[in-house]
């Protein structure tokens, strides 16, 4: 009887993990390859724990983390500005068209 752990080759698992890192969506990749999402998620987790170069280069690089953090802050600021703009326009609309 064949072991479940050896069902997929290491190369195949790395390919799947790499695809998850590129897309950021394990469920989507799992569906695409007709795999169970939990299995793909486990492969990603195990890959992170084993310091796989695919995962570590994608997520542990400080320059990338800093630039992502800055971009995230900028996007949060922009979203806040847009929310404020929408609120102001809604108030203005209520004042000009009372019901």
PDB file of N, CA and C in Angstrom:
ATOM      1  N   UNK A   1       0.841  -1.183   0.000  1.00  0.00           N
ATOM      2  CA  UNK A   1       0.000   0.000   0.000  1.00  0.00           C
ATOM      3  C   UNK A   1       0.887   1.247   0.000  1.00  0.00           C
ATOM      4  N   UNK A   2       0.556   2.188  -0.821  1.00  0.00           N
ATOM      5  CA  UNK A   2       1.347   3.386  -0.989  1.00  0.00           C
ATOM      6  C   UNK A   2       1.028   4.417   0.093  1.00  0.00           C
ATOM      7  N   UNK A   3       2.066   5.052   0.601  1.00  0.00           N
ATOM      8  CA  UNK A   3       1.895   6.053   1.648  1.00  0.00           C
ATOM      9  C   UNK A   3       1.240   7.303   1.073  1.00  0.00           C
ATOM     10  N   UNK A   4       0.340   7.917   1.832  1.00  0.00           N
ATOM     11  CA  UNK A   4      -0.326   9.135   1.379  1.00  0.00           C
ATOM     12  C   UNK A   4       0.663  10.299   1.239  1.00  0.00           C
ATOM     13  N   UNK A   5       1.699  10.270   2.080  1.00  0.00           N
ATOM     14  CA  UNK A   5       2.651  11.367   2.063  1.00  0.00           C
ATOM     15  C   UNK A   5       3.448  11.405   0.756  1.00  0.00           C
ATOM     16  N   UNK A   6       3.610  10.294   0.099  1.00  0.00           N
ATOM     17  CA  UNK A   6       4.378  10.237  -1.145  1.00  0.00           C
ATOM     18  C   UNK A   6       3.484  10.254  -2.378  1.00  0.00           C
ATOM     19  N   UNK A   7       2.259  10.631  -2.216  1.00  0.00           N
ATOM     20  CA  UNK A   7       1.329  10.627  -3.329  1.00  0.00           C
ATOM     21  C   UNK A   7       1.728  11.648  -4.390  1.00  0.00           C
ATOM     22  N   UNK A   8       2.218  12.802  -3.965  1.00  0.00           N
ATOM     23  CA  UNK A   8       2.648  13.849  -4.879  1.00  0.00           C
ATOM     24  C   UNK A   8       4.145  14.067  -4.714  1.00  0.00           C
ATOM     25  N   UNK A   9       4.804  14.325  -5.825  1.00  0.00           N
ATOM     26  CA  UNK A   9       6.253  14.530  -5.762  1.00  0.00           C
ATOM     27  C   UNK A   9       6.570  15.864  -5.100  1.00  0.00           C
ATOM     28  N   UNK A  10       7.779  15.971  -4.599  1.00  0.00           N
ATOM     29  CA  UNK A  10       8.218  17.213  -3.960  1.00  0.00           C
ATOM     30  C   UNK A  10       8.210  18.363  -4.964  1.00  0.00           C
ATOM     31  N   UNK A  11       8.561  18.061  -6.205  1.00  0.00           N
ATOM     32  CA  UNK A  11       8.576  19.093  -7.244  1.00  0.00           C
ATOM     33  C   UNK A  11       7.169  19.629  -7.499  1.00  0.00           C
ATOM     34  N   UNK A  12       6.209  18.710  -7.534  1.00  0.00           N
ATOM     35  CA  UNK A  12       4.817  19.110  -7.758  1.00  0.00           C
ATOM     36  C   UNK A  12       4.334  19.992  -6.611  1.00  0.00           C
ATOM     37  N   UNK A  13       4.651  19.588  -5.384  1.00  0.00           N
ATOM     38  CA  UNK A  13       4.251  20.371  -4.220  1.00  0.00           C
ATOM     39  C   UNK A  13       4.874  21.765  -4.270  1.00  0.00           C
ATOM     40  N   UNK A  14       6.143  21.842  -4.649  1.00  0.00           N
ATOM     41  CA  UNK A  14       6.813  23.140  -4.740  1.00  0.00           C
ATOM     42  C   UNK A  14       6.161  24.013  -5.806  1.00  0.00           C
ATOM     43  N   UNK A  15       5.763  23.389  -6.917  1.00  0.00           N
ATOM     44  CA  UNK A  15       5.094  24.133  -7.978  1.00  0.00           C
ATOM     45  C   UNK A  15       3.780  24.719  -7.470  1.00  0.00           C
ATOM     46  N   UNK A  16       3.032  23.904  -6.727  1.00  0.00           N
ATOM     47  CA  UNK A  16       1.759  24.358  -6.184  1.00  0.00           C
ATOM     48  C   UNK A  16       1.989  25.481  -5.163  1.00  0.00           C
ATOM     49  N   UNK A  17       2.963  25.307  -4.288  1.00  0.00           N
ATOM     50  CA  UNK A  17       3.272  26.330  -3.277  1.00  0.00           C
ATOM     51  C   UNK A  17       3.685  27.634  -3.956  1.00  0.00           C
ATOM     52  N   UNK A  18       4.490  27.532  -4.991  1.00  0.00           N
ATOM     53  CA  UNK A  18       4.926  28.722  -5.721  1.00  0.00           C
ATOM     54  C   UNK A  18       3.724  29.445  -6.329  1.00  0.00           C
ATOM     55  N   UNK A  19       2.818  28.683  -6.886  1.00  0.00           N
ATOM     56  CA  UNK A  19       1.622  29.271  -7.477  1.00  0.00           C
ATOM     57  C   UNK A  19       0.761  29.956  -6.415  1.00  0.00           C
ATOM     58  N   UNK A  20       0.675  29.345  -5.235  1.00  0.00           N
ATOM     59  CA  UNK A  20      -0.081  29.966  -4.138  1.00  0.00           C
ATOM     60  C   UNK A  20       0.581  31.278  -3.735  1.00  0.00           C
ATOM     61  N   UNK A  21       1.897  31.302  -3.677  1.00  0.00           N
ATOM     62  CA  UNK A  21       2.613  32.524  -3.305  1.00  0.00           C
ATOM     63  C   UNK A  21       2.384  33.625  -4.338  1.00  0.00           C
ATOM     64  N   UNK A  22       2.314  33.244  -5.607  1.00  0.00           N
ATOM     65  CA  UNK A  22       2.113  34.236  -6.667  1.00  0.00           C
ATOM     66  C   UNK A  22       0.695  34.785  -6.670  1.00  0.00           C
ATOM     67  N   UNK A  23      -0.286  33.907  -6.441  1.00  0.00           N
ATOM     68  CA  UNK A  23      -1.682  34.340  -6.490  1.00  0.00           C
ATOM     69  C   UNK A  23      -2.185  34.820  -5.144  1.00  0.00           C
ATOM     70  N   UNK A  24      -1.618  34.276  -4.064  1.00  0.00           N
ATOM     71  CA  UNK A  24      -2.071  34.633  -2.732  1.00  0.00           C
ATOM     72  C   UNK A  24      -3.375  33.955  -2.343  1.00  0.00           C
ATOM     73  N   UNK A  25      -3.759  32.901  -3.074  1.00  0.00           N
ATOM     74  CA  UNK A  25      -5.036  32.252  -2.809  1.00  0.00           C
ATOM     75  C   UNK A  25      -4.896  30.736  -2.943  1.00  0.00           C
ATOM     76  N   UNK A  26      -4.790  30.054  -1.809  1.00  0.00           N
ATOM     77  CA  UNK A  26      -4.601  28.604  -1.814  1.00  0.00           C
ATOM     78  C   UNK A  26      -5.841  27.880  -2.329  1.00  0.00           C
ATOM     79  N   UNK A  27      -7.008  28.383  -2.019  1.00  0.00           N
ATOM     80  CA  UNK A  27      -8.241  27.732  -2.450  1.00  0.00           C
ATOM     81  C   UNK A  27      -8.381  27.757  -3.967  1.00  0.00           C
ATOM     82  N   UNK A  28      -8.065  28.885  -4.558  1.00  0.00           N
ATOM     83  CA  UNK A  28      -8.144  29.014  -6.014  1.00  0.00           C
ATOM     84  C   UNK A  28      -7.173  28.053  -6.699  1.00  0.00           C
ATOM     85  N   UNK A  29      -5.958  27.982  -6.196  1.00  0.00           N
ATOM     86  CA  UNK A  29      -4.955  27.079  -6.765  1.00  0.00           C
ATOM     87  C   UNK A  29      -5.392  25.626  -6.584  1.00  0.00           C
ATOM     88  N   UNK A  30      -5.942  25.321  -5.433  1.00  0.00           N
ATOM     89  CA  UNK A  30      -6.411  23.954  -5.173  1.00  0.00           C
ATOM     90  C   UNK A  30      -7.499  23.565  -6.167  1.00  0.00           C
ATOM     91  N   UNK A  31      -8.448  24.437  -6.380  1.00  0.00           N
ATOM     92  CA  UNK A  31      -9.519  24.149  -7.345  1.00  0.00           C
ATOM     93  C   UNK A  31      -8.959  23.950  -8.743  1.00  0.00           C
ATOM     94  N   UNK A  32      -8.031  24.808  -9.117  1.00  0.00           N
ATOM     95  CA  UNK A  32      -7.440  24.741 -10.452  1.00  0.00           C
ATOM     96  C   UNK A  32      -6.781  23.382 -10.699  1.00  0.00           C
ATOM     97  N   UNK A  33      -6.148  22.833  -9.661  1.00  0.00           N
ATOM     98  CA  UNK A  33      -5.421  21.571  -9.800  1.00  0.00           C
ATOM     99  C   UNK A  33      -6.201  20.380  -9.247  1.00  0.00           C
ATOM    100  N   UNK A  34      -7.469  20.602  -8.935  1.00  0.00           N
ATOM    101  CA  UNK A  34      -8.340  19.545  -8.412  1.00  0.00           C
ATOM    102  C   UNK A  34      -7.739  18.902  -7.160  1.00  0.00           C
ATOM    103  N   UNK A  35      -7.360  19.772  -6.222  1.00  0.00           N
ATOM    104  CA  UNK A  35      -6.797  19.337  -4.941  1.00  0.00           C
ATOM    105  C   UNK A  35      -7.679  19.835  -3.810  1.00  0.00           C
ATOM    106  N   UNK A  36      -7.500  19.266  -2.645  1.00  0.00           N
ATOM    107  CA  UNK A  36      -8.205  19.725  -1.454  1.00  0.00           C
ATOM    108  C   UNK A  36      -7.486  20.973  -0.930  1.00  0.00           C
ATOM    109  N   UNK A  37      -8.255  22.021  -0.642  1.00  0.00           N
ATOM    110  CA  UNK A  37      -7.670  23.288  -0.204  1.00  0.00           C
ATOM    111  C   UNK A  37      -6.845  23.123   1.067  1.00  0.00           C
ATOM    112  N   UNK A  38      -7.299  22.284   1.977  1.00  0.00           N
ATOM    113  CA  UNK A  38      -6.563  22.047   3.214  1.00  0.00           C
ATOM    114  C   UNK A  38      -5.194  21.435   2.971  1.00  0.00           C
ATOM    115  N   UNK A  39      -5.120  20.579   1.979  1.00  0.00           N
ATOM    116  CA  UNK A  39      -3.835  19.962   1.633  1.00  0.00           C
ATOM    117  C   UNK A  39      -2.871  21.011   1.108  1.00  0.00           C
ATOM    118  N   UNK A  40      -3.369  21.859   0.228  1.00  0.00           N
ATOM    119  CA  UNK A  40      -2.514  22.919  -0.338  1.00  0.00           C
ATOM    120  C   UNK A  40      -2.067  23.873   0.761  1.00  0.00           C
ATOM    121  N   UNK A  41      -2.978  24.229   1.644  1.00  0.00           N
ATOM    122  CA  UNK A  41      -2.627  25.107   2.761  1.00  0.00           C
ATOM    123  C   UNK A  41      -1.564  24.463   3.643  1.00  0.00           C
ATOM    124  N   UNK A  42      -1.688  23.159   3.875  1.00  0.00           N
ATOM    125  CA  UNK A  42      -0.690  22.447   4.684  1.00  0.00           C
ATOM    126  C   UNK A  42       0.670  22.468   3.990  1.00  0.00           C
ATOM    127  N   UNK A  43       0.680  22.280   2.669  1.00  0.00           N
ATOM    128  CA  UNK A  43       1.947  22.314   1.931  1.00  0.00           C
ATOM    129  C   UNK A  43       2.609  23.679   2.072  1.00  0.00           C
ATOM    130  N   UNK A  44       1.817  24.731   2.001  1.00  0.00           N
ATOM    131  CA  UNK A  44       2.363  26.085   2.146  1.00  0.00           C
ATOM    132  C   UNK A  44       2.928  26.267   3.551  1.00  0.00           C
ATOM    133  N   UNK A  45       2.162  25.840   4.565  1.00  0.00           N
ATOM    134  CA  UNK A  45       2.611  25.964   5.957  1.00  0.00           C
ATOM    135  C   UNK A  45       3.896  25.178   6.181  1.00  0.00           C
ATOM    136  N   UNK A  46       3.947  23.938   5.686  1.00  0.00           N
ATOM    137  CA  UNK A  46       5.148  23.122   5.839  1.00  0.00           C
ATOM    138  C   UNK A  46       6.328  23.737   5.104  1.00  0.00           C
ATOM    139  N   UNK A  47       6.045  24.336   3.956  1.00  0.00           N
ATOM    140  CA  UNK A  47       7.102  24.972   3.187  1.00  0.00           C
ATOM    141  C   UNK A  47       7.676  26.174   3.937  1.00  0.00           C
ATOM    142  N   UNK A  48       6.804  26.923   4.597  1.00  0.00           N
ATOM    143  CA  UNK A  48       7.263  28.064   5.401  1.00  0.00           C
ATOM    144  C   UNK A  48       8.102  27.587   6.575  1.00  0.00           C
ATOM    145  N   UNK A  49       7.659  26.512   7.228  1.00  0.00           N
ATOM    146  CA  UNK A  49       8.369  25.996   8.394  1.00  0.00           C
ATOM    147  C   UNK A  49       9.729  25.421   8.029  1.00  0.00           C
ATOM    148  N   UNK A  50       9.846  24.881   6.842  1.00  0.00           N
ATOM    149  CA  UNK A  50      11.116  24.281   6.430  1.00  0.00           C
ATOM    150  C   UNK A  50      12.033  25.292   5.750  1.00  0.00           C
ATOM    151  N   UNK A  51      11.634  26.579   5.791  1.00  0.00           N
ATOM    152  CA  UNK A  51      12.417  27.653   5.171  1.00  0.00           C
ATOM    153  C   UNK A  51      12.685  27.380   3.703  1.00  0.00           C
ATOM    154  N   UNK A  52      11.659  26.956   3.014  1.00  0.00           N
ATOM    155  CA  UNK A  52      11.745  26.728   1.573  1.00  0.00           C
ATOM    156  C   UNK A  52      12.092  28.041   0.891  1.00  0.00           C
ATOM    157  N   UNK A  53      13.052  28.033  -0.037  1.00  0.00           N
ATOM    158  CA  UNK A  53      13.456  29.269  -0.698  1.00  0.00           C
ATOM    159  C   UNK A  53      12.309  29.977  -1.425  1.00  0.00           C
ATOM    160  N   UNK A  54      11.357  29.220  -1.926  1.00  0.00           N
ATOM    161  CA  UNK A  54      10.229  29.833  -2.628  1.00  0.00           C
ATOM    162  C   UNK A  54       9.449  30.719  -1.670  1.00  0.00           C
ATOM    163  N   UNK A  55       9.157  30.203  -0.503  1.00  0.00           N
ATOM    164  CA  UNK A  55       8.369  30.940   0.474  1.00  0.00           C
ATOM    165  C   UNK A  55       9.201  32.004   1.160  1.00  0.00           C
ATOM    166  N   UNK A  56      10.383  31.657   1.603  1.00  0.00           N
ATOM    167  CA  UNK A  56      11.180  32.607   2.374  1.00  0.00           C
ATOM    168  C   UNK A  56      11.588  33.805   1.535  1.00  0.00           C
ATOM    169  N   UNK A  57      11.906  33.615   0.265  1.00  0.00           N
ATOM    170  CA  UNK A  57      12.288  34.753  -0.556  1.00  0.00           C
ATOM    171  C   UNK A  57      11.095  35.661  -0.809  1.00  0.00           C
ATOM    172  N   UNK A  58       9.918  35.103  -0.804  1.00  0.00           N
ATOM    173  CA  UNK A  58       8.716  35.885  -1.072  1.00  0.00           C
ATOM    174  C   UNK A  58       8.276  36.685   0.146  1.00  0.00           C
ATOM    175  N   UNK A  59       8.447  36.128   1.370  1.00  0.00           N
ATOM    176  CA  UNK A  59       7.848  36.744   2.541  1.00  0.00           C
ATOM    177  C   UNK A  59       8.820  37.226   3.599  1.00  0.00           C
ATOM    178  N   UNK A  60      10.048  36.780   3.591  1.00  0.00           N
ATOM    179  CA  UNK A  60      10.922  37.186   4.678  1.00  0.00           C
ATOM    180  C   UNK A  60      11.925  38.251   4.275  1.00  0.00           C
ATOM    181  N   UNK A  61      11.868  38.720   3.066  1.00  0.00           N
ATOM    182  CA  UNK A  61      12.766  39.758   2.616  1.00  0.00           C
ATOM    183  C   UNK A  61      12.319  41.083   3.233  1.00  0.00           C
ATOM    184  N   UNK A  62      13.203  41.704   4.006  1.00  0.00           N
ATOM    185  CA  UNK A  62      12.842  42.926   4.731  1.00  0.00           C
ATOM    186  C   UNK A  62      12.499  44.077   3.803  1.00  0.00           C
ATOM    187  N   UNK A  63      13.212  44.189   2.673  1.00  0.00           N
ATOM    188  CA  UNK A  63      12.908  45.268   1.743  1.00  0.00           C
ATOM    189  C   UNK A  63      11.485  45.132   1.226  1.00  0.00           C
ATOM    190  N   UNK A  64      11.103  43.914   0.866  1.00  0.00           N
ATOM    191  CA  UNK A  64       9.752  43.692   0.378  1.00  0.00           C
ATOM    192  C   UNK A  64       8.732  43.973   1.471  1.00  0.00           C
ATOM    193  N   UNK A  65       9.034  43.558   2.681  1.00  0.00           N
ATOM    194  CA  UNK A  65       8.111  43.789   3.791  1.00  0.00           C
ATOM    195  C   UNK A  65       7.942  45.274   4.047  1.00  0.00           C
ATOM    196  N   UNK A  66       9.034  46.016   3.997  1.00  0.00           N
ATOM    197  CA  UNK A  66       8.956  47.457   4.224  1.00  0.00           C
ATOM    198  C   UNK A  66       8.171  48.141   3.115  1.00  0.00           C
ATOM    199  N   UNK A  67       8.423  47.760   1.880  1.00  0.00           N
ATOM    200  CA  UNK A  67       7.703  48.402   0.782  1.00  0.00           C
ATOM    201  C   UNK A  67       6.228  48.029   0.819  1.00  0.00           C
ATOM    202  N   UNK A  68       5.930  46.791   1.190  1.00  0.00           N
ATOM    203  CA  UNK A  68       4.526  46.390   1.312  1.00  0.00           C
ATOM    204  C   UNK A  68       3.843  47.138   2.445  1.00  0.00           C
ATOM    205  N   UNK A  69       4.560  47.337   3.526  1.00  0.00           N
ATOM    206  CA  UNK A  69       4.004  48.068   4.650  1.00  0.00           C
ATOM    207  C   UNK A  69       3.717  49.523   4.265  1.00  0.00           C
ATOM    208  N   UNK A  70       4.642  50.151   3.546  1.00  0.00           N
ATOM    209  CA  UNK A  70       4.431  51.528   3.101  1.00  0.00           C
ATOM    210  C   UNK A  70       3.249  51.610   2.144  1.00  0.00           C
ATOM    211  N   UNK A  71       3.199  50.669   1.209  1.00  0.00           N
ATOM    212  CA  UNK A  71       2.085  50.658   0.257  1.00  0.00           C
ATOM    213  C   UNK A  71       0.755  50.449   0.985  1.00  0.00           C
ATOM    214  N   UNK A  72       0.758  49.554   1.957  1.00  0.00           N
ATOM    215  CA  UNK A  72      -0.448  49.301   2.741  1.00  0.00           C
ATOM    216  C   UNK A  72      -0.903  50.570   3.468  1.00  0.00           C
ATOM    217  N   UNK A  73       0.031  51.291   4.061  1.00  0.00           N
ATOM    218  CA  UNK A  73      -0.292  52.544   4.754  1.00  0.00           C
ATOM    219  C   UNK A  73      -0.879  53.572   3.788  1.00  0.00           C
ATOM    220  N   UNK A  74      -0.277  53.674   2.594  1.00  0.00           N
ATOM    221  CA  UNK A  74      -0.775  54.617   1.593  1.00  0.00           C
ATOM    222  C   UNK A  74      -2.189  54.252   1.157  1.00  0.00           C
ATOM    223  N   UNK A  75      -2.437  52.975   0.970  1.00  0.00           N
ATOM    224  CA  UNK A  75      -3.764  52.535   0.551  1.00  0.00           C
ATOM    225  C   UNK A  75      -4.804  52.764   1.641  1.00  0.00           C
ATOM    226  N   UNK A  76      -4.398  52.552   2.900  1.00  0.00           N
ATOM    227  CA  UNK A  76      -5.321  52.824   4.012  1.00  0.00           C
ATOM    228  C   UNK A  76      -5.670  54.311   4.057  1.00  0.00           C
ATOM    229  N   UNK A  77      -4.679  55.169   3.849  1.00  0.00           N
ATOM    230  CA  UNK A  77      -4.912  56.610   3.859  1.00  0.00           C
ATOM    231  C   UNK A  77      -5.856  56.997   2.721  1.00  0.00           C
ATOM    232  N   UNK A  78      -5.610  56.454   1.550  1.00  0.00           N
ATOM    233  CA  UNK A  78      -6.457  56.743   0.396  1.00  0.00           C
ATOM    234  C   UNK A  78      -7.885  56.268   0.622  1.00  0.00           C
ATOM    235  N   UNK A  79      -8.035  55.093   1.190  1.00  0.00           N
ATOM    236  CA  UNK A  79      -9.363  54.563   1.491  1.00  0.00           C
ATOM    237  C   UNK A  79     -10.088  55.454   2.496  1.00  0.00           C
ATOM    238  N   UNK A  80      -9.380  55.923   3.509  1.00  0.00           N
ATOM    239  CA  UNK A  80      -9.979  56.824   4.488  1.00  0.00           C
ATOM    240  C   UNK A  80     -10.446  58.115   3.849  1.00  0.00           C
ATOM    241  N   UNK A  81      -9.625  58.648   2.942  1.00  0.00           N
ATOM    242  CA  UNK A  81     -10.003  59.874   2.243  1.00  0.00           C
ATOM    243  C   UNK A  81     -11.250  59.661   1.396  1.00  0.00           C
ATOM    244  N   UNK A  82     -11.319  58.530   0.734  1.00  0.00           N
ATOM    245  CA  UNK A  82     -12.484  58.223  -0.109  1.00  0.00           C
ATOM    246  C   UNK A  82     -13.734  58.049   0.740  1.00  0.00           C
ATOM    247  N   UNK A  83     -13.604  57.396   1.884  1.00  0.00           N
ATOM    248  CA  UNK A  83     -14.746  57.233   2.786  1.00  0.00           C
ATOM    249  C   UNK A  83     -15.249  58.584   3.270  1.00  0.00           C
ATOM    250  N   UNK A  84     -14.326  59.466   3.614  1.00  0.00           N
ATOM    251  CA  UNK A  84     -14.695  60.803   4.068  1.00  0.00           C
ATOM    252  C   UNK A  84     -15.385  61.573   2.941  1.00  0.00           C
ATOM    253  N   UNK A  85     -14.869  61.473   1.745  1.00  0.00           N
ATOM    254  CA  UNK A  85     -15.460  62.143   0.594  1.00  0.00           C
ATOM    255  C   UNK A  85     -16.890  61.650   0.350  1.00  0.00           C
ATOM    256  N   UNK A  86     -17.089  60.350   0.436  1.00  0.00           N
ATOM    257  CA  UNK A  86     -18.427  59.777   0.244  1.00  0.00           C
ATOM    258  C   UNK A  86     -19.378  60.278   1.324  1.00  0.00           C
ATOM    259  N   UNK A  87     -18.907  60.325   2.566  1.00  0.00           N
ATOM    260  CA  UNK A  87     -19.757  60.801   3.662  1.00  0.00           C
ATOM    261  C   UNK A  87     -20.155  62.257   3.447  1.00  0.00           C
ATOM    262  N   UNK A  88     -19.219  63.078   3.012  1.00  0.00           N
ATOM    263  CA  UNK A  88     -19.508  64.492   2.767  1.00  0.00           C
ATOM    264  C   UNK A  88     -20.522  64.636   1.643  1.00  0.00           C
ATOM    265  N   UNK A  89     -20.337  63.885   0.573  1.00  0.00           N
ATOM    266  CA  UNK A  89     -21.266  63.966  -0.555  1.00  0.00           C
ATOM    267  C   UNK A  89     -22.663  63.472  -0.172  1.00  0.00           C
ATOM    268  N   UNK A  90     -22.752  62.466   0.660  1.00  0.00           N
ATOM    269  CA  UNK A  90     -24.067  61.981   1.114  1.00  0.00           C
ATOM    270  C   UNK A  90     -24.764  63.052   1.961  1.00  0.00           C
ATOM    271  N   UNK A  91     -24.016  63.695   2.851  1.00  0.00           N
ATOM    272  CA  UNK A  91     -24.595  64.766   3.672  1.00  0.00           C
ATOM    273  C   UNK A  91     -25.073  65.915   2.788  1.00  0.00           C
ATOM    274  N   UNK A  92     -24.280  66.279   1.808  1.00  0.00           N
ATOM    275  CA  UNK A  92     -24.652  67.353   0.896  1.00  0.00           C
ATOM    276  C   UNK A  92     -25.904  66.990   0.110  1.00  0.00           C
ATOM    277  N   UNK A  93     -25.990  65.755  -0.322  1.00  0.00           N
ATOM    278  CA  UNK A  93     -27.154  65.285  -1.060  1.00  0.00           C
ATOM    279  C   UNK A  93     -28.403  65.331  -0.197  1.00  0.00           C
ATOM    280  N   UNK A  94     -28.280  64.961   1.080  1.00  0.00           N
ATOM    281  CA  UNK A  94     -29.434  65.009   1.986  1.00  0.00           C
ATOM    282  C   UNK A  94     -29.910  66.444   2.216  1.00  0.00           C
ATOM    283  N   UNK A  95     -28.971  67.382   2.259  1.00  0.00           N
ATOM    284  CA  UNK A  95     -29.313  68.777   2.521  1.00  0.00           C
ATOM    285  C   UNK A  95     -29.984  69.413   1.303  1.00  0.00           C
ATOM    286  N   UNK A  96     -29.560  69.039   0.106  1.00  0.00           N
ATOM    287  CA  UNK A  96     -30.118  69.641  -1.100  1.00  0.00           C
ATOM    288  C   UNK A  96     -31.420  68.979  -1.529  1.00  0.00           C
ATOM    289  N   UNK A  97     -31.629  67.732  -1.141  1.00  0.00           N
ATOM    290  CA  UNK A  97     -32.845  67.008  -1.497  1.00  0.00           C
ATOM    291  C   UNK A  97     -33.509  66.419  -0.258  1.00  0.00           C
ATOM    292  N   UNK A  98     -34.082  67.240   0.596  1.00  0.00           N
ATOM    293  CA  UNK A  98     -34.709  66.674   1.799  1.00  0.00           C
ATOM    294  C   UNK A  98     -35.919  65.849   1.415  1.00  0.00           C
ATOM    295  N   UNK A  99     -36.156  64.826   2.163  1.00  0.00           N
ATOM    296  CA  UNK A  99     -37.265  63.917   1.822  1.00  0.00           C
ATOM    297  C   UNK A  99     -38.455  64.127   2.650  1.00  0.00           C
TER     298      UNK A  99
END
